[in-house]
Amino acid sequence: MAVIPPAIDRDSQFFWDGVRAGQLLVQRCTDCAELRHPPGPACPECGCLAWKAEQSAGCGTVYSWVLSHHPTEADAEPRVVVLVDLEDGVRMVANLLGVPVAEVTNDLPVEVFFTEVDGVPLPMFRRRAV
């Protein structure tokens, strides 16, 4: 199964540039200072259009997760998709690698890492040593 490259626009270009550089970047509103992810043109808190990119430490805990199944092709390995509460205060969806399905739980400590899948650089999460 091939990976479909993400749709990159002017609001998300900085995020994907960061991924290619091995950095997890999020937006911070320059007016009210709220962090936000996914990237967007305006702050959902105050409506301000001005923002700056800020590097996230990429550490957090699993808030929720699902065992994903491809609708037409069998997966070679179980694919766990997680919603992560980053310590920075935003949430992010990505795959969780290297953790057996039986060990995946909410509140599992995780950290981001970057890998290429079919030539596409992507952020993923793995268990974090605590």
Protein backbone atom coordinates (compact mmCIF):
# COMPACT_ATOMS: atom_id res chain seq x y z
CA MET A 1 0.00 0.00 0.00
CA ALA A 2 1.55 3.30 -1.08
CA VAL A 3 1.53 6.39 1.09
CA ILE A 4 -0.32 9.36 -0.37
CA PRO A 5 1.83 12.49 0.13
CA PRO A 6 0.18 15.10 2.36
CA ALA A 7 -1.55 18.07 0.77
CA ILE A 8 0.78 20.97 1.50
CA ASP A 9 -0.53 24.53 1.39
CA ARG A 10 0.75 27.86 2.66
CA ASP A 11 -0.71 27.19 6.11
CA SER A 12 1.02 23.82 6.54
CA GLN A 13 4.25 24.35 4.55
CA PHE A 14 6.22 25.23 7.73
CA PHE A 15 5.03 22.00 9.42
CA TRP A 16 6.21 19.76 6.56
CA ASP A 17 9.48 21.71 6.24
CA GLY A 18 9.98 20.97 9.95
CA VAL A 19 9.22 17.27 9.46
CA ARG A 20 11.83 17.10 6.70
CA ALA A 21 14.31 18.74 9.11
CA GLY A 22 13.41 16.34 11.95
CA GLN A 23 11.46 18.94 13.94
CA LEU A 24 7.87 18.92 15.14
CA LEU A 25 6.60 22.47 14.66
CA VAL A 26 3.30 23.93 15.86
CA GLN A 27 1.75 27.36 15.45
CA ARG A 28 1.60 29.95 18.23
CA CYS A 29 -0.73 32.92 17.87
CA THR A 30 1.24 36.16 18.16
CA ASP A 31 -1.80 37.92 19.65
CA CYS A 32 -3.17 35.61 22.36
CA ALA A 33 -0.18 33.17 22.51
CA GLU A 34 -2.34 30.03 22.13
CA LEU A 35 -0.69 27.01 20.51
CA ARG A 36 -2.58 25.23 17.77
CA HIS A 37 -2.38 22.08 15.69
CA PRO A 38 -3.24 21.18 13.01
CA PRO A 39 -1.98 24.28 11.21
CA GLY A 40 -4.54 26.80 10.05
CA PRO A 41 -4.78 30.35 8.74
CA ALA A 42 -6.38 31.91 11.83
CA CYS A 43 -6.29 31.41 15.57
CA PRO A 44 -9.44 29.56 16.68
CA GLU A 45 -9.30 31.41 20.03
CA CYS A 46 -9.07 35.05 18.90
CA GLY A 47 -9.20 35.02 15.09
CA CYS A 48 -5.76 36.60 14.67
CA LEU A 49 -4.03 35.82 11.37
CA ALA A 50 -0.50 36.33 12.71
CA TRP A 51 1.43 33.38 14.10
CA LYS A 52 4.92 32.00 14.54
CA ALA A 53 6.27 28.48 14.32
CA GLU A 54 7.46 26.95 17.58
CA GLN A 55 9.29 23.67 18.04
CA SER A 56 7.52 21.09 20.18
CA ALA A 57 9.49 18.70 22.35
CA GLY A 58 7.29 15.97 20.83
CA CYS A 59 6.59 14.23 24.15
CA GLY A 60 3.15 13.37 25.42
CA THR A 61 0.70 10.62 26.26
CA VAL A 62 -1.80 8.63 24.25
CA TYR A 63 -5.23 10.19 24.72
CA SER A 64 -7.03 7.68 22.52
CA TRP A 65 -6.15 5.06 19.93
CA VAL A 66 -7.59 2.74 17.32
CA LEU A 67 -6.39 -0.38 15.57
CA SER A 68 -6.78 0.61 11.94
CA HIS A 69 -7.57 -1.85 9.18
CA HIS A 70 -7.16 -1.10 5.48
CA PRO A 71 -10.55 -1.54 3.78
CA THR A 72 -9.32 -3.60 0.81
CA GLU A 73 -5.80 -4.90 1.57
CA ALA A 74 -4.63 -6.88 4.57
CA ASP A 75 -2.07 -5.00 6.65
CA ALA A 76 1.34 -6.67 6.94
CA GLU A 77 1.45 -5.57 10.60
CA PRO A 78 -1.20 -4.17 12.93
CA ARG A 79 -1.48 -0.40 12.43
CA VAL A 80 -2.16 1.60 15.58
CA VAL A 81 -3.27 5.21 15.11
CA VAL A 82 -3.03 7.40 18.20
CA LEU A 83 -4.34 10.77 19.31
CA VAL A 84 -1.52 12.17 21.44
CA ASP A 85 -1.82 14.87 24.09
CA LEU A 86 1.50 16.67 23.64
CA GLU A 87 2.98 18.24 26.77
CA ASP A 88 2.91 21.55 24.88
CA GLY A 89 -0.88 21.56 25.09
CA VAL A 90 -1.98 20.45 21.61
CA ARG A 91 -3.14 17.12 20.25
CA MET A 92 -1.78 15.30 17.23
CA VAL A 93 -2.82 12.20 15.27
CA ALA A 94 -0.14 9.82 13.98
CA ASN A 95 0.82 6.16 13.85
CA LEU A 96 2.33 4.44 16.89
CA LEU A 97 5.20 2.07 16.05
CA GLY A 98 7.07 -0.53 18.04
CA VAL A 99 4.41 -1.17 20.67
CA PRO A 100 2.50 -4.47 20.60
CA VAL A 101 -1.26 -3.89 20.37
CA ALA A 102 -1.78 -5.66 23.71
CA GLU A 103 0.42 -3.01 25.38
CA VAL A 104 -1.25 0.08 23.90
CA THR A 105 -3.22 2.01 26.51
CA ASN A 106 -4.49 5.49 27.09
CA ASP A 107 -1.88 7.51 29.04
CA LEU A 108 0.98 5.54 27.44
CA PRO A 109 4.00 7.91 27.42
CA VAL A 110 5.17 8.52 23.84
CA GLU A 111 7.64 10.61 21.87
CA VAL A 112 7.76 11.70 18.27
CA PHE A 113 10.27 10.44 15.75
CA PHE A 114 10.53 10.91 12.02
CA THR A 115 10.71 8.28 9.31
CA GLU A 116 10.16 7.97 5.59
CA VAL A 117 7.41 5.79 4.22
CA ASP A 118 7.46 5.32 0.44
CA GLY A 119 9.75 8.37 0.21
CA VAL A 120 7.39 10.58 2.26
CA PRO A 121 8.82 11.93 5.56
CA LEU A 122 6.28 11.51 8.36
CA PRO A 123 6.09 12.11 12.11
CA MET A 124 5.30 8.96 14.09
CA PHE A 125 5.24 8.10 17.78
CA ARG A 126 6.94 5.39 19.84
CA ARG A 127 6.93 4.46 23.52
CA ARG A 128 8.93 6.89 25.64
CA ALA A 129 11.12 5.62 28.46
CA VAL A 130 9.97 7.29 31.65
